[in-house]
Amino acid sequence: MDFDSGRILTEKKSDQRMEPASLTKMLTSYVVANELANGGINLDDMVTISEKAWRMQGSRMFIEVGKKVSVENLLKGVIIQSGNDATVALAEHVAGSEETFADLMNQHAAELGMVDSHFVNSTGLPNKNHYTTPGDMAKLARALIKNFPEHYKWYSTKKFKFNKINQYNRNKLLWRNKFVDGIKTGHTDSAGYCLVASAKRDGMRLISVVLGTRSEEARAAESQKLLSYGFRFFETHKLYAANEPLTKAHIWKGAVENLSLGLKEDLYITIPKGQYKKLDADMNINARITAPAKKGSTFGTVNVRLGDKQYARRNLVALNDVKKGGLIDNLIDEIKLLFE
């Protein structure tokens, strides 16, 4: 997936339900990042480690029951070391229990459009009701990078020292590819070896998702293949910026004569390399626009094509409010409309 445009460049079984293993922790950290942004918790909060967190099996940060550990250190333990103990400790701190935290995870997943995912724990330990798809993981990765860029920077950290123990990031691509800056590995016997990776090169960011491989080496190699393919054969361009006038349309019976139209969000497009000059764009604007007009309301579309294929279609929205004009102006426009 291209990060900016959201376009899927290549896919296989992207809608097939699979076990996410520790890729689950991407959503856990997303929920925690949201709580941090909203002021619900703070990085310097001290979390008392419960017996449940301390007893967690699998990958661990080696925290001790009854001890206090900061949210910041626990987050690093989740992101870098993939510690199940740190993950449960954070879940309990945010929501009181891991079960309640899982409800939060599902709420956020629904908001992100992860329609084929369901989570019952914060760690990714196997459960028949705990599943996702490669497509949903790509959506989550894109949202994580876009919504919490400062938080995302921690995913590029190669090692973390806690309790005098150096713990290393399992994402081998951080060492092998200078453009890779995340994201997360996962593994259980039933899920296989998984990796969601992201790399930024010459201003273009790609996200790769690989689930169910046979080894650590295989997940790294297959992810590298996907990233190399994307950078080799595609390019991404920013065509239009958000909230900047693309055109002006006449507005009848308004306090002003023209209404500025533009886009709510930046428009990026990902196309095969060397095809940029062949792009064609046009705008369709409503035949008659009458005041009042509210900022953000849709009054047309902009369409981008390459040959016979449509690559983008976005709504043209009002960039400002336009109130109704005065009585005289309205009467003049009424007469003009009779002859329109």
C-alpha atoms as a PDB file:
ATOM      1  CA  MET A   1       0.000   0.000   0.000  1.00  0.00           C
ATOM      2  CA  ASP A   2       1.139   3.512  -0.759  1.00  0.00           C
ATOM      3  CA  PHE A   3       0.847   5.499   2.463  1.00  0.00           C
ATOM      4  CA  ASP A   4      -0.191   8.850   1.012  1.00  0.00           C
ATOM      5  CA  SER A   5      -2.692   7.735  -1.619  1.00  0.00           C
ATOM      6  CA  GLY A   6      -3.859   4.568   0.135  1.00  0.00           C
ATOM      7  CA  ARG A   7      -3.641   2.689  -3.161  1.00  0.00           C
ATOM      8  CA  ILE A   8      -2.977  -1.055  -3.005  1.00  0.00           C
ATOM      9  CA  LEU A   9      -0.153  -1.824  -5.421  1.00  0.00           C
ATOM     10  CA  THR A  10      -0.296  -5.607  -5.181  1.00  0.00           C
ATOM     11  CA  GLU A  11      -2.166  -8.070  -2.986  1.00  0.00           C
ATOM     12  CA  LYS A  12      -2.848 -11.719  -2.357  1.00  0.00           C
ATOM     13  CA  LYS A  13      -5.419 -13.050   0.116  1.00  0.00           C
ATOM     14  CA  SER A  14      -5.723  -9.518   1.500  1.00  0.00           C
ATOM     15  CA  ASP A  15      -9.265 -10.178   2.765  1.00  0.00           C
ATOM     16  CA  GLN A  16      -8.565 -13.621   4.240  1.00  0.00           C
ATOM     17  CA  ARG A  17      -8.974 -13.892   8.004  1.00  0.00           C
ATOM     18  CA  MET A  18      -5.748 -14.869   9.725  1.00  0.00           C
ATOM     19  CA  GLU A  19      -4.151 -14.803  13.137  1.00  0.00           C
ATOM     20  CA  PRO A  20      -2.261 -11.550  13.726  1.00  0.00           C
ATOM     21  CA  ALA A  21      -0.042 -12.802  16.595  1.00  0.00           C
ATOM     22  CA  SER A  22       1.914  -9.830  17.991  1.00  0.00           C
ATOM     23  CA  LEU A  23       0.865  -7.574  15.126  1.00  0.00           C
ATOM     24  CA  THR A  24      -2.044  -7.091  17.530  1.00  0.00           C
ATOM     25  CA  LYS A  25       0.239  -4.841  19.556  1.00  0.00           C
ATOM     26  CA  MET A  26       0.069  -2.253  16.775  1.00  0.00           C
ATOM     27  CA  LEU A  27      -3.570  -1.707  17.705  1.00  0.00           C
ATOM     28  CA  THR A  28      -2.717  -1.821  21.406  1.00  0.00           C
ATOM     29  CA  SER A  29      -0.172   0.953  20.941  1.00  0.00           C
ATOM     30  CA  TYR A  30      -2.630   2.863  18.733  1.00  0.00           C
ATOM     31  CA  VAL A  31      -5.203   2.856  21.539  1.00  0.00           C
ATOM     32  CA  VAL A  32      -2.547   3.918  24.064  1.00  0.00           C
ATOM     33  CA  ALA A  33      -1.328   6.701  21.732  1.00  0.00           C
ATOM     34  CA  ASN A  34      -4.906   7.931  21.465  1.00  0.00           C
ATOM     35  CA  GLU A  35      -5.258   7.987  25.253  1.00  0.00           C
ATOM     36  CA  LEU A  36      -1.992   9.918  25.523  1.00  0.00           C
ATOM     37  CA  ALA A  37      -3.150  12.434  22.922  1.00  0.00           C
ATOM     38  CA  ASN A  38      -6.465  12.933  24.729  1.00  0.00           C
ATOM     39  CA  GLY A  39      -4.799  13.371  28.119  1.00  0.00           C
ATOM     40  CA  GLY A  40      -6.341  10.235  29.608  1.00  0.00           C
ATOM     41  CA  ILE A  41      -2.888   8.989  30.607  1.00  0.00           C
ATOM     42  CA  ASN A  42       0.656  10.409  30.579  1.00  0.00           C
ATOM     43  CA  LEU A  43       4.031   8.969  29.631  1.00  0.00           C
ATOM     44  CA  ASP A  44       5.338   9.504  33.166  1.00  0.00           C
ATOM     45  CA  ASP A  45       2.418   7.696  34.829  1.00  0.00           C
ATOM     46  CA  MET A  46       3.745   4.919  37.044  1.00  0.00           C
ATOM     47  CA  VAL A  47       1.958   1.591  36.513  1.00  0.00           C
ATOM     48  CA  THR A  48       1.856  -1.051  39.242  1.00  0.00           C
ATOM     49  CA  ILE A  49       2.509  -4.422  37.634  1.00  0.00           C
ATOM     50  CA  SER A  50      -0.242  -6.961  38.309  1.00  0.00           C
ATOM     51  CA  GLU A  51       0.282 -10.669  38.812  1.00  0.00           C
ATOM     52  CA  LYS A  52      -1.532 -11.360  35.537  1.00  0.00           C
ATOM     53  CA  ALA A  53       0.875  -9.121  33.615  1.00  0.00           C
ATOM     54  CA  TRP A  54       3.890 -10.624  35.378  1.00  0.00           C
ATOM     55  CA  ARG A  55       2.780 -14.203  34.587  1.00  0.00           C
ATOM     56  CA  MET A  56       2.306 -13.617  30.838  1.00  0.00           C
ATOM     57  CA  GLN A  57       4.036 -16.185  28.655  1.00  0.00           C
ATOM     58  CA  GLY A  58       5.776 -15.676  25.324  1.00  0.00           C
ATOM     59  CA  SER A  59       7.952 -12.650  24.591  1.00  0.00           C
ATOM     60  CA  ARG A  60       8.516 -10.596  27.724  1.00  0.00           C
ATOM     61  CA  MET A  61      10.008  -7.342  28.977  1.00  0.00           C
ATOM     62  CA  PHE A  62      10.811  -9.006  32.357  1.00  0.00           C
ATOM     63  CA  ILE A  63       8.887  -6.626  34.593  1.00  0.00           C
ATOM     64  CA  GLU A  64       8.261  -7.723  38.177  1.00  0.00           C
ATOM     65  CA  VAL A  65       4.960  -8.069  39.997  1.00  0.00           C
ATOM     66  CA  GLY A  66       4.185  -5.220  42.387  1.00  0.00           C
ATOM     67  CA  LYS A  67       6.869  -2.947  40.935  1.00  0.00           C
ATOM     68  CA  LYS A  68       6.046   0.403  39.325  1.00  0.00           C
ATOM     69  CA  VAL A  69       7.053   1.020  35.704  1.00  0.00           C
ATOM     70  CA  SER A  70       6.389   4.173  33.659  1.00  0.00           C
ATOM     71  CA  VAL A  71       3.985   4.178  30.736  1.00  0.00           C
ATOM     72  CA  GLU A  72       6.876   5.269  28.518  1.00  0.00           C
ATOM     73  CA  ASN A  73       9.022   2.261  29.437  1.00  0.00           C
ATOM     74  CA  LEU A  74       6.074  -0.094  29.057  1.00  0.00           C
ATOM     75  CA  LEU A  75       5.339   1.308  25.602  1.00  0.00           C
ATOM     76  CA  LYS A  76       8.940   0.744  24.579  1.00  0.00           C
ATOM     77  CA  GLY A  77       8.653  -2.784  25.919  1.00  0.00           C
ATOM     78  CA  VAL A  78       5.577  -3.334  23.740  1.00  0.00           C
ATOM     79  CA  ILE A  79       6.906  -1.707  20.560  1.00  0.00           C
ATOM     80  CA  ILE A  80      10.566  -2.763  20.631  1.00  0.00           C
ATOM     81  CA  GLN A  81      10.629  -5.996  22.624  1.00  0.00           C
ATOM     82  CA  SER A  82       7.004  -7.052  21.960  1.00  0.00           C
ATOM     83  CA  GLY A  83       6.622  -7.887  25.623  1.00  0.00           C
ATOM     84  CA  ASN A  84       3.339  -9.565  26.485  1.00  0.00           C
ATOM     85  CA  ASP A  85       3.804  -8.595  30.128  1.00  0.00           C
ATOM     86  CA  ALA A  86       4.205  -4.910  29.262  1.00  0.00           C
ATOM     87  CA  THR A  87       1.226  -5.086  26.917  1.00  0.00           C
ATOM     88  CA  VAL A  88      -1.145  -6.424  29.569  1.00  0.00           C
ATOM     89  CA  ALA A  89       0.150  -3.923  32.121  1.00  0.00           C
ATOM     90  CA  LEU A  90      -0.678  -1.055  29.754  1.00  0.00           C
ATOM     91  CA  ALA A  91      -4.086  -2.504  28.916  1.00  0.00           C
ATOM     92  CA  GLU A  92      -4.947  -2.723  32.598  1.00  0.00           C
ATOM     93  CA  HIS A  93      -3.701   0.818  33.213  1.00  0.00           C
ATOM     94  CA  VAL A  94      -5.828   2.273  30.415  1.00  0.00           C
ATOM     95  CA  ALA A  95      -9.045   0.294  30.870  1.00  0.00           C
ATOM     96  CA  GLY A  96      -8.882  -1.467  34.242  1.00  0.00           C
ATOM     97  CA  SER A  97      -8.790  -4.916  32.680  1.00  0.00           C
ATOM     98  CA  GLU A  98      -7.537  -6.525  29.484  1.00  0.00           C
ATOM     99  CA  GLU A  99     -11.091  -7.561  28.583  1.00  0.00           C
ATOM    100  CA  THR A 100     -12.343  -3.973  28.711  1.00  0.00           C
ATOM    101  CA  PHE A 101      -9.283  -2.824  26.797  1.00  0.00           C
ATOM    102  CA  ALA A 102     -10.135  -5.332  24.045  1.00  0.00           C
ATOM    103  CA  ASP A 103     -13.514  -3.605  23.714  1.00  0.00           C
ATOM    104  CA  LEU A 104     -11.659  -0.330  23.137  1.00  0.00           C
ATOM    105  CA  MET A 105      -9.508  -2.042  20.523  1.00  0.00           C
ATOM    106  CA  ASN A 106     -12.575  -3.213  18.622  1.00  0.00           C
ATOM    107  CA  GLN A 107     -14.118   0.262  18.770  1.00  0.00           C
ATOM    108  CA  HIS A 108     -11.006   1.794  17.239  1.00  0.00           C
ATOM    109  CA  ALA A 109     -10.767  -0.999  14.656  1.00  0.00           C
ATOM    110  CA  ALA A 110     -14.331  -0.264  13.553  1.00  0.00           C
ATOM    111  CA  GLU A 111     -13.560   3.458  13.259  1.00  0.00           C
ATOM    112  CA  LEU A 112     -10.554   2.640  11.055  1.00  0.00           C
ATOM    113  CA  GLY A 113     -12.651   0.482   8.738  1.00  0.00           C
ATOM    114  CA  MET A 114     -11.080  -2.797   9.849  1.00  0.00           C
ATOM    115  CA  VAL A 115     -14.287  -4.640   9.022  1.00  0.00           C
ATOM    116  CA  ASP A 116     -12.826  -8.169   9.030  1.00  0.00           C
ATOM    117  CA  SER A 117     -10.991  -7.974  12.364  1.00  0.00           C
ATOM    118  CA  HIS A 118     -11.893  -8.856  15.929  1.00  0.00           C
ATOM    119  CA  PHE A 119      -9.722  -8.763  19.027  1.00  0.00           C
ATOM    120  CA  VAL A 120     -10.157 -10.477  22.380  1.00  0.00           C
ATOM    121  CA  ASN A 121      -6.788  -9.654  23.949  1.00  0.00           C
ATOM    122  CA  SER A 122      -4.078  -7.016  23.773  1.00  0.00           C
ATOM    123  CA  THR A 123      -1.145  -9.324  22.997  1.00  0.00           C
ATOM    124  CA  GLY A 124      -2.168 -11.495  20.053  1.00  0.00           C
ATOM    125  CA  LEU A 125      -2.024 -14.811  21.889  1.00  0.00           C
ATOM    126  CA  PRO A 126      -4.056 -17.388  19.915  1.00  0.00           C
ATOM    127  CA  ASN A 127      -7.837 -17.405  20.258  1.00  0.00           C
ATOM    128  CA  LYS A 128     -10.393 -18.540  17.687  1.00  0.00           C
ATOM    129  CA  ASN A 129     -12.217 -15.209  18.030  1.00  0.00           C
ATOM    130  CA  HIS A 130      -9.047 -13.156  17.580  1.00  0.00           C
ATOM    131  CA  TYR A 131      -8.355 -12.480  13.913  1.00  0.00           C
ATOM    132  CA  THR A 132      -7.578  -9.897  11.252  1.00  0.00           C
ATOM    133  CA  THR A 133      -6.730  -9.663   7.544  1.00  0.00           C
ATOM    134  CA  PRO A 134      -3.672  -8.351   5.715  1.00  0.00           C
ATOM    135  CA  GLY A 135      -5.839  -5.554   4.301  1.00  0.00           C
ATOM    136  CA  ASP A 136      -6.985  -4.497   7.754  1.00  0.00           C
ATOM    137  CA  MET A 137      -3.402  -4.517   9.024  1.00  0.00           C
ATOM    138  CA  ALA A 138      -2.428  -2.140   6.213  1.00  0.00           C
ATOM    139  CA  LYS A 139      -5.257   0.214   7.225  1.00  0.00           C
ATOM    140  CA  LEU A 140      -4.085   0.124  10.835  1.00  0.00           C
ATOM    141  CA  ALA A 141      -0.457   0.785   9.867  1.00  0.00           C
ATOM    142  CA  ARG A 142      -1.462   3.755   7.732  1.00  0.00           C
ATOM    143  CA  ALA A 143      -3.576   5.239  10.544  1.00  0.00           C
ATOM    144  CA  LEU A 144      -0.833   4.712  13.106  1.00  0.00           C
ATOM    145  CA  ILE A 145       1.730   6.589  11.008  1.00  0.00           C
ATOM    146  CA  LYS A 146      -0.700   9.326   9.944  1.00  0.00           C
ATOM    147  CA  ASN A 147      -2.454  10.024  13.241  1.00  0.00           C
ATOM    148  CA  PHE A 148       0.451   9.586  15.660  1.00  0.00           C
ATOM    149  CA  PRO A 149       3.717  10.388  13.813  1.00  0.00           C
ATOM    150  CA  GLU A 150       5.674  11.135  16.995  1.00  0.00           C
ATOM    151  CA  HIS A 151       4.528   7.865  18.554  1.00  0.00           C
ATOM    152  CA  TYR A 152       5.398   6.020  15.343  1.00  0.00           C
ATOM    153  CA  LYS A 153       9.049   7.100  15.603  1.00  0.00           C
ATOM    154  CA  TRP A 154       9.522   4.571  18.428  1.00  0.00           C
ATOM    155  CA  TYR A 155       8.955   1.746  15.941  1.00  0.00           C
ATOM    156  CA  SER A 156      12.341   2.461  14.359  1.00  0.00           C
ATOM    157  CA  THR A 157      14.198   1.936  17.670  1.00  0.00           C
ATOM    158  CA  LYS A 158      16.583  -1.006  17.324  1.00  0.00           C
ATOM    159  CA  LYS A 159      17.162  -1.790  20.994  1.00  0.00           C
ATOM    160  CA  PHE A 160      15.855  -0.952  24.443  1.00  0.00           C
ATOM    161  CA  LYS A 161      17.602  -1.421  27.782  1.00  0.00           C
ATOM    162  CA  PHE A 162      15.490  -2.213  30.847  1.00  0.00           C
ATOM    163  CA  ASN A 163      16.638  -3.698  34.160  1.00  0.00           C
ATOM    164  CA  LYS A 164      20.162  -3.786  32.719  1.00  0.00           C
ATOM    165  CA  ILE A 165      18.978  -6.085  29.927  1.00  0.00           C
ATOM    166  CA  ASN A 166      19.433  -5.062  26.284  1.00  0.00           C
ATOM    167  CA  GLN A 167      16.402  -6.066  24.247  1.00  0.00           C
ATOM    168  CA  TYR A 168      16.511  -5.921  20.454  1.00  0.00           C
ATOM    169  CA  ASN A 169      13.827  -5.175  17.898  1.00  0.00           C
ATOM    170  CA  ARG A 170      12.901  -8.315  15.945  1.00  0.00           C
ATOM    171  CA  ASN A 171      12.329  -6.407  12.703  1.00  0.00           C
ATOM    172  CA  LYS A 172      15.448  -7.401  10.737  1.00  0.00           C
ATOM    173  CA  LEU A 173      14.720  -4.854   8.010  1.00  0.00           C
ATOM    174  CA  LEU A 174      15.678  -2.041  10.400  1.00  0.00           C
ATOM    175  CA  TRP A 175      19.279  -3.274  10.032  1.00  0.00           C
ATOM    176  CA  ARG A 176      19.130  -4.311   6.382  1.00  0.00           C
ATOM    177  CA  ASN A 177      17.296  -1.450   4.701  1.00  0.00           C
ATOM    178  CA  LYS A 178      18.113   2.157   5.585  1.00  0.00           C
ATOM    179  CA  PHE A 179      14.710   3.313   4.324  1.00  0.00           C
ATOM    180  CA  VAL A 180      12.726   1.058   6.694  1.00  0.00           C
ATOM    181  CA  ASP A 181      11.567   2.707   9.937  1.00  0.00           C
ATOM    182  CA  GLY A 182       9.001   0.206  11.278  1.00  0.00           C
ATOM    183  CA  ILE A 183       6.702  -1.430  12.065  1.00  0.00           C
ATOM    184  CA  LYS A 184       6.029  -4.715  13.916  1.00  0.00           C
ATOM    185  CA  THR A 185       6.756  -8.423  13.901  1.00  0.00           C
ATOM    186  CA  GLY A 186       4.576 -11.261  15.162  1.00  0.00           C
ATOM    187  CA  HIS A 187       4.861 -14.992  15.670  1.00  0.00           C
ATOM    188  CA  THR A 188       3.010 -17.946  17.152  1.00  0.00           C
ATOM    189  CA  ASP A 189       3.117 -21.570  16.045  1.00  0.00           C
ATOM    190  CA  SER A 190      -0.373 -21.265  14.560  1.00  0.00           C
ATOM    191  CA  ALA A 191       0.053 -17.795  12.971  1.00  0.00           C
ATOM    192  CA  GLY A 192       3.522 -18.343  11.542  1.00  0.00           C
ATOM    193  CA  TYR A 193       5.989 -15.487  11.183  1.00  0.00           C
ATOM    194  CA  CYS A 194       4.419 -12.116  10.369  1.00  0.00           C
ATOM    195  CA  LEU A 195       5.723  -8.641   9.609  1.00  0.00           C
ATOM    196  CA  VAL A 196       4.167  -5.272   8.840  1.00  0.00           C
ATOM    197  CA  ALA A 197       6.902  -3.001   7.507  1.00  0.00           C
ATOM    198  CA  SER A 198       7.098   0.563   6.278  1.00  0.00           C
ATOM    199  CA  ALA A 199       9.789   2.415   4.356  1.00  0.00           C
ATOM    200  CA  LYS A 200      10.156   5.966   3.065  1.00  0.00           C
ATOM    201  CA  ARG A 201      12.325   6.649   0.029  1.00  0.00           C
ATOM    202  CA  ASP A 202      12.583   9.874  -1.979  1.00  0.00           C
ATOM    203  CA  GLY A 203       9.433  11.213  -0.328  1.00  0.00           C
ATOM    204  CA  MET A 204       7.355   8.096  -1.066  1.00  0.00           C
ATOM    205  CA  ARG A 205       6.248   5.882   1.834  1.00  0.00           C
ATOM    206  CA  LEU A 206       5.105   2.280   1.354  1.00  0.00           C
ATOM    207  CA  ILE A 207       3.532  -0.208   3.763  1.00  0.00           C
ATOM    208  CA  SER A 208       3.966  -3.966   3.325  1.00  0.00           C
ATOM    209  CA  VAL A 209       2.065  -6.713   5.126  1.00  0.00           C
ATOM    210  CA  VAL A 210       3.201 -10.340   5.214  1.00  0.00           C
ATOM    211  CA  LEU A 211       1.460 -12.991   7.325  1.00  0.00           C
ATOM    212  CA  GLY A 212       1.981 -16.711   7.814  1.00  0.00           C
ATOM    213  CA  THR A 213       5.555 -17.268   6.600  1.00  0.00           C
ATOM    214  CA  ARG A 214       7.728 -20.144   7.820  1.00  0.00           C
ATOM    215  CA  SER A 215      10.611 -18.282   9.438  1.00  0.00           C
ATOM    216  CA  GLU A 216      12.018 -14.944  10.600  1.00  0.00           C
ATOM    217  CA  GLU A 217      14.172 -14.854   7.491  1.00  0.00           C
ATOM    218  CA  ALA A 218      11.220 -15.551   5.190  1.00  0.00           C
ATOM    219  CA  ARG A 219       9.060 -12.751   6.580  1.00  0.00           C
ATOM    220  CA  ALA A 220      11.928 -10.272   6.204  1.00  0.00           C
ATOM    221  CA  ALA A 221      12.757 -11.423   2.666  1.00  0.00           C
ATOM    222  CA  GLU A 222       9.141 -11.376   1.450  1.00  0.00           C
ATOM    223  CA  SER A 223       8.574  -7.932   2.958  1.00  0.00           C
ATOM    224  CA  GLN A 224      11.717  -6.645   1.260  1.00  0.00           C
ATOM    225  CA  LYS A 225      10.453  -7.999  -2.074  1.00  0.00           C
ATOM    226  CA  LEU A 226       7.171  -6.125  -1.728  1.00  0.00           C
ATOM    227  CA  LEU A 227       8.850  -2.848  -0.797  1.00  0.00           C
ATOM    228  CA  SER A 228      11.383  -3.149  -3.613  1.00  0.00           C
ATOM    229  CA  TYR A 229       8.592  -3.850  -6.103  1.00  0.00           C
ATOM    230  CA  GLY A 230       6.652  -0.783  -5.018  1.00  0.00           C
ATOM    231  CA  PHE A 231       9.587   1.596  -5.185  1.00  0.00           C
ATOM    232  CA  ARG A 232      10.804   0.152  -8.496  1.00  0.00           C
ATOM    233  CA  PHE A 233       7.590   0.339 -10.485  1.00  0.00           C
ATOM    234  CA  PHE A 234       5.448   3.123  -8.963  1.00  0.00           C
ATOM    235  CA  GLU A 235       5.587   6.800  -8.071  1.00  0.00           C
ATOM    236  CA  THR A 236       3.328   8.986  -5.929  1.00  0.00           C
ATOM    237  CA  HIS A 237       2.455  12.616  -6.575  1.00  0.00           C
ATOM    238  CA  LYS A 238       0.580  15.220  -4.570  1.00  0.00           C
ATOM    239  CA  LEU A 239      -1.834  16.758  -7.060  1.00  0.00           C
ATOM    240  CA  TYR A 240      -3.869  19.126  -4.893  1.00  0.00           C
ATOM    241  CA  ALA A 241      -3.543  20.459  -1.361  1.00  0.00           C
ATOM    242  CA  ALA A 242      -6.398  20.498   1.118  1.00  0.00           C
ATOM    243  CA  ASN A 243      -8.323  23.733   1.723  1.00  0.00           C
ATOM    244  CA  GLU A 244      -6.789  25.515  -1.263  1.00  0.00           C
ATOM    245  CA  PRO A 245      -9.071  26.907  -4.011  1.00  0.00           C
ATOM    246  CA  LEU A 246      -9.114  24.722  -7.126  1.00  0.00           C
ATOM    247  CA  THR A 247     -11.816  26.749  -8.833  1.00  0.00           C
ATOM    248  CA  LYS A 248     -14.524  29.333  -8.235  1.00  0.00           C
ATOM    249  CA  ALA A 249     -18.192  28.832  -9.008  1.00  0.00           C
ATOM    250  CA  HIS A 250     -20.895  31.447  -9.386  1.00  0.00           C
ATOM    251  CA  ILE A 251     -23.340  31.420  -6.491  1.00  0.00           C
ATOM    252  CA  TRP A 252     -26.810  32.870  -6.937  1.00  0.00           C
ATOM    253  CA  LYS A 253     -28.510  35.095  -4.366  1.00  0.00           C
ATOM    254  CA  GLY A 254     -25.359  35.278  -2.268  1.00  0.00           C
ATOM    255  CA  ALA A 255     -23.643  38.063  -0.364  1.00  0.00           C
ATOM    256  CA  VAL A 256     -20.762  37.518  -2.816  1.00  0.00           C
ATOM    257  CA  GLU A 257     -20.797  36.393  -6.439  1.00  0.00           C
ATOM    258  CA  ASN A 258     -18.323  33.508  -6.291  1.00  0.00           C
ATOM    259  CA  LEU A 259     -17.814  30.462  -4.089  1.00  0.00           C
ATOM    260  CA  SER A 260     -14.330  28.968  -3.687  1.00  0.00           C
ATOM    261  CA  LEU A 261     -14.240  25.185  -4.102  1.00  0.00           C
ATOM    262  CA  GLY A 262     -11.486  22.777  -3.063  1.00  0.00           C
ATOM    263  CA  LEU A 263     -10.750  19.505  -1.261  1.00  0.00           C
ATOM    264  CA  LYS A 264     -11.074  18.503   2.399  1.00  0.00           C
ATOM    265  CA  GLU A 265      -7.843  16.473   2.262  1.00  0.00           C
ATOM    266  CA  ASP A 266      -4.664  16.458   0.198  1.00  0.00           C
ATOM    267  CA  LEU A 267      -5.043  14.442  -2.984  1.00  0.00           C
ATOM    268  CA  TYR A 268      -2.180  12.036  -3.663  1.00  0.00           C
ATOM    269  CA  ILE A 269      -2.096   9.647  -6.578  1.00  0.00           C
ATOM    270  CA  THR A 270       0.091   6.580  -7.117  1.00  0.00           C
ATOM    271  CA  ILE A 271       0.735   5.609 -10.732  1.00  0.00           C
ATOM    272  CA  PRO A 272       3.160   3.474 -12.763  1.00  0.00           C
ATOM    273  CA  LYS A 273       6.539   5.170 -13.141  1.00  0.00           C
ATOM    274  CA  GLY A 274       6.931   7.539 -16.048  1.00  0.00           C
ATOM    275  CA  GLN A 275       3.205   8.127 -16.565  1.00  0.00           C
ATOM    276  CA  TYR A 276       2.755  11.440 -14.734  1.00  0.00           C
ATOM    277  CA  LYS A 277       2.533  13.597 -17.868  1.00  0.00           C
ATOM    278  CA  LYS A 278      -0.268  11.393 -19.194  1.00  0.00           C
ATOM    279  CA  LEU A 279      -2.601  12.163 -16.272  1.00  0.00           C
ATOM    280  CA  ASP A 280      -5.847  13.939 -17.094  1.00  0.00           C
ATOM    281  CA  ALA A 281      -8.051  15.779 -14.591  1.00  0.00           C
ATOM    282  CA  ASP A 282     -11.449  17.446 -14.882  1.00  0.00           C
ATOM    283  CA  MET A 283     -14.018  19.002 -12.580  1.00  0.00           C
ATOM    284  CA  ASN A 284     -17.780  18.602 -12.568  1.00  0.00           C
ATOM    285  CA  ILE A 285     -19.506  21.459 -10.752  1.00  0.00           C
ATOM    286  CA  ASN A 286     -23.172  21.641  -9.836  1.00  0.00           C
ATOM    287  CA  ALA A 287     -25.136  23.439 -12.550  1.00  0.00           C
ATOM    288  CA  ARG A 288     -26.753  25.907 -10.176  1.00  0.00           C
ATOM    289  CA  ILE A 289     -25.512  26.868  -6.700  1.00  0.00           C
ATOM    290  CA  THR A 290     -27.762  29.041  -4.572  1.00  0.00           C
ATOM    291  CA  ALA A 291     -26.948  30.759  -1.267  1.00  0.00           C
ATOM    292  CA  PRO A 292     -26.658  30.056   1.563  1.00  0.00           C
ATOM    293  CA  ALA A 293     -23.669  27.740   1.186  1.00  0.00           C
ATOM    294  CA  LYS A 294     -22.038  26.108   4.189  1.00  0.00           C
ATOM    295  CA  LYS A 295     -18.311  25.469   4.415  1.00  0.00           C
ATOM    296  CA  GLY A 296     -17.577  21.802   3.721  1.00  0.00           C
ATOM    297  CA  SER A 297     -20.734  21.181   1.683  1.00  0.00           C
ATOM    298  CA  THR A 298     -20.269  19.325  -1.620  1.00  0.00           C
ATOM    299  CA  PHE A 299     -20.856  21.164  -4.890  1.00  0.00           C
ATOM    300  CA  GLY A 300     -19.093  18.938  -7.418  1.00  0.00           C
ATOM    301  CA  THR A 301     -16.278  16.488  -7.997  1.00  0.00           C
ATOM    302  CA  VAL A 302     -12.726  16.389  -9.333  1.00  0.00           C
ATOM    303  CA  ASN A 303     -11.768  13.307 -11.345  1.00  0.00           C
ATOM    304  CA  VAL A 304      -8.270  12.093 -12.234  1.00  0.00           C
ATOM    305  CA  ARG A 305      -7.679   9.552 -15.009  1.00  0.00           C
ATOM    306  CA  LEU A 306      -4.772   7.805 -16.662  1.00  0.00           C
ATOM    307  CA  GLY A 307      -5.935   6.618 -20.041  1.00  0.00           C
ATOM    308  CA  ASP A 308      -9.284   4.892 -19.596  1.00  0.00           C
ATOM    309  CA  LYS A 309      -8.730   4.174 -15.903  1.00  0.00           C
ATOM    310  CA  GLN A 310     -10.032   6.485 -13.182  1.00  0.00           C
ATOM    311  CA  TYR A 311      -7.460   6.844 -10.431  1.00  0.00           C
ATOM    312  CA  ALA A 312      -9.219   9.275  -8.124  1.00  0.00           C
ATOM    313  CA  ARG A 313     -12.591  10.896  -7.567  1.00  0.00           C
ATOM    314  CA  ARG A 314     -12.994  13.469  -4.796  1.00  0.00           C
ATOM    315  CA  ASN A 315     -15.746  15.834  -3.731  1.00  0.00           C
ATOM    316  CA  LEU A 316     -15.329  19.545  -4.371  1.00  0.00           C
ATOM    317  CA  VAL A 317     -16.454  21.339  -1.229  1.00  0.00           C
ATOM    318  CA  ALA A 318     -17.101  24.938  -0.251  1.00  0.00           C
ATOM    319  CA  LEU A 319     -14.031  26.443   1.408  1.00  0.00           C
ATOM    320  CA  ASN A 320     -16.038  29.152   3.145  1.00  0.00           C
ATOM    321  CA  ASP A 321     -19.576  30.055   4.188  1.00  0.00           C
ATOM    322  CA  VAL A 322     -21.621  32.291   1.908  1.00  0.00           C
ATOM    323  CA  LYS A 323     -24.694  33.959   3.377  1.00  0.00           C
ATOM    324  CA  LYS A 324     -27.763  35.046   1.483  1.00  0.00           C
ATOM    325  CA  GLY A 325     -27.486  38.413  -0.207  1.00  0.00           C
ATOM    326  CA  GLY A 326     -29.683  41.430   0.377  1.00  0.00           C
ATOM    327  CA  LEU A 327     -33.207  41.907  -0.971  1.00  0.00           C
ATOM    328  CA  ILE A 328     -32.129  43.948  -4.016  1.00  0.00           C
ATOM    329  CA  ASP A 329     -29.384  41.465  -4.960  1.00  0.00           C
ATOM    330  CA  ASN A 330     -31.838  38.578  -4.630  1.00  0.00           C
ATOM    331  CA  LEU A 331     -34.386  40.309  -6.875  1.00  0.00           C
ATOM    332  CA  ILE A 332     -31.721  40.982  -9.514  1.00  0.00           C
ATOM    333  CA  ASP A 333     -30.637  37.318  -9.416  1.00  0.00           C
ATOM    334  CA  GLU A 334     -34.283  36.198  -9.660  1.00  0.00           C
ATOM    335  CA  ILE A 335     -34.656  38.204 -12.867  1.00  0.00           C
ATOM    336  CA  LYS A 336     -31.363  36.862 -14.260  1.00  0.00           C
ATOM    337  CA  LEU A 337     -32.479  33.303 -13.511  1.00  0.00           C
ATOM    338  CA  LEU A 338     -35.631  33.829 -15.550  1.00  0.00           C
ATOM    339  CA  PHE A 339     -33.423  34.344 -18.588  1.00  0.00           C
ATOM    340  CA  GLU A 340     -30.863  31.664 -17.605  1.00  0.00           C
END
